[in-house]
């Protein structure tokens, strides 16, 4: 009597939906638009200030890979180029809070 197991459903809740796994949300995924569209053949160089400024916030922080949509190799090249441009004074280091 106590040793008998009740049959359980395989992940089916009321309404026919699967229960959410850890880290999942109940919202449908949003469609992301790429604000940081890279032109074809773009090369991250410290001399290309207009391109580098697109990947730096108004506070002077470098935009993360997750937001910018670049690959990890491109992100490393981007960070090196931004730091070289900052060292030479072509880009600002950032703005202080007032």
Protein backbone atom coordinates (compact mmCIF):
# COMPACT_ATOMS: atom_id res chain seq x y z
CA UNK A 1 0.00 0.00 0.00
CA UNK A 2 2.65 2.55 0.99
CA UNK A 3 5.28 1.02 -1.28
CA UNK A 4 3.18 1.40 -4.40
CA UNK A 5 4.16 4.29 -6.61
CA UNK A 6 1.59 6.42 -8.32
CA UNK A 7 2.15 6.86 -12.04
CA UNK A 8 3.24 10.39 -12.82
CA UNK A 9 2.88 12.25 -16.07
CA UNK A 10 6.04 12.84 -18.04
CA UNK A 11 6.33 16.59 -17.71
CA UNK A 12 2.79 17.46 -18.68
CA UNK A 13 0.96 20.11 -16.73
CA UNK A 14 -2.65 21.19 -16.96
CA UNK A 15 -3.25 22.79 -20.33
CA UNK A 16 -0.88 20.46 -22.16
CA UNK A 17 2.25 22.56 -21.59
CA UNK A 18 5.67 21.36 -20.48
CA UNK A 19 6.97 22.72 -17.20
CA UNK A 20 9.72 25.29 -17.62
CA UNK A 21 13.30 24.28 -17.06
CA UNK A 22 15.60 26.31 -14.90
CA UNK A 23 16.57 29.51 -16.68
CA UNK A 24 13.69 29.46 -19.16
CA UNK A 25 11.11 32.19 -19.32
CA UNK A 26 7.47 31.91 -20.25
CA UNK A 27 7.71 34.77 -22.77
CA UNK A 28 8.37 34.07 -26.42
CA UNK A 29 11.87 35.08 -27.51
CA UNK A 30 12.11 38.67 -28.67
CA UNK A 31 13.36 39.45 -32.14
CA UNK A 32 16.69 41.21 -31.82
CA UNK A 33 17.69 43.90 -34.23
CA UNK A 34 21.39 44.39 -34.68
CA UNK A 35 22.17 47.98 -33.77
CA UNK A 36 25.85 47.44 -34.40
CA UNK A 37 25.77 46.30 -38.01
CA UNK A 38 29.29 45.75 -39.32
CA UNK A 39 29.95 46.80 -42.92
CA UNK A 40 31.42 44.17 -45.24
CA UNK A 41 35.18 43.87 -44.90
CA UNK A 42 35.32 46.08 -41.82
CA UNK A 43 38.64 45.89 -40.01
CA UNK A 44 39.04 46.98 -36.41
CA UNK A 45 41.99 49.40 -36.47
CA UNK A 46 42.79 52.16 -34.02
CA UNK A 47 42.69 54.64 -36.94
CA UNK A 48 39.06 53.88 -37.78
CA UNK A 49 37.53 56.13 -35.11
CA UNK A 50 34.01 56.29 -36.59
CA UNK A 51 33.66 52.51 -36.44
CA UNK A 52 35.15 52.25 -32.94
CA UNK A 53 32.82 54.91 -31.54
CA UNK A 54 29.82 52.75 -32.46
CA UNK A 55 31.07 50.10 -30.02
CA UNK A 56 31.69 52.52 -27.13
CA UNK A 57 28.88 53.92 -24.97
CA UNK A 58 28.51 57.60 -24.17
CA UNK A 59 30.17 56.87 -20.82
CA UNK A 60 33.19 55.36 -22.56
CA UNK A 61 32.49 51.71 -21.82
CA UNK A 62 33.03 49.04 -24.46
CA UNK A 63 29.78 47.37 -25.53
CA UNK A 64 29.63 43.67 -24.69
CA UNK A 65 29.64 40.90 -27.26
CA UNK A 66 26.14 39.88 -26.31
CA UNK A 67 24.76 43.29 -27.23
CA UNK A 68 26.96 44.08 -30.21
CA UNK A 69 26.63 40.69 -31.91
CA UNK A 70 30.28 40.34 -32.92
CA UNK A 71 32.22 37.10 -32.64
CA UNK A 72 34.71 36.48 -29.84
CA UNK A 73 37.67 36.97 -32.18
CA UNK A 74 36.23 40.26 -33.42
CA UNK A 75 35.56 41.37 -29.83
CA UNK A 76 39.21 40.78 -28.89
CA UNK A 77 40.36 42.76 -31.95
CA UNK A 78 37.87 45.49 -31.08
CA UNK A 79 39.13 45.80 -27.49
CA UNK A 80 42.76 46.02 -28.65
CA UNK A 81 41.88 48.71 -31.23
CA UNK A 82 39.84 50.74 -28.73
CA UNK A 83 42.59 50.60 -26.11
CA UNK A 84 45.22 51.68 -28.67
CA UNK A 85 43.02 54.58 -29.78
CA UNK A 86 42.52 55.60 -26.15
CA UNK A 87 46.25 55.46 -25.47
CA UNK A 88 46.96 57.72 -28.46
CA UNK A 89 44.20 60.12 -27.42
CA UNK A 90 41.97 59.45 -30.43
CA UNK A 91 39.12 58.17 -28.22
CA UNK A 92 38.09 59.49 -24.84
CA UNK A 93 38.61 57.36 -21.76
CA UNK A 94 35.12 58.10 -20.49
CA UNK A 95 33.08 60.75 -18.76
CA UNK A 96 32.97 61.31 -15.02
CA UNK A 97 29.66 61.40 -13.22
CA UNK A 98 28.66 64.80 -11.89
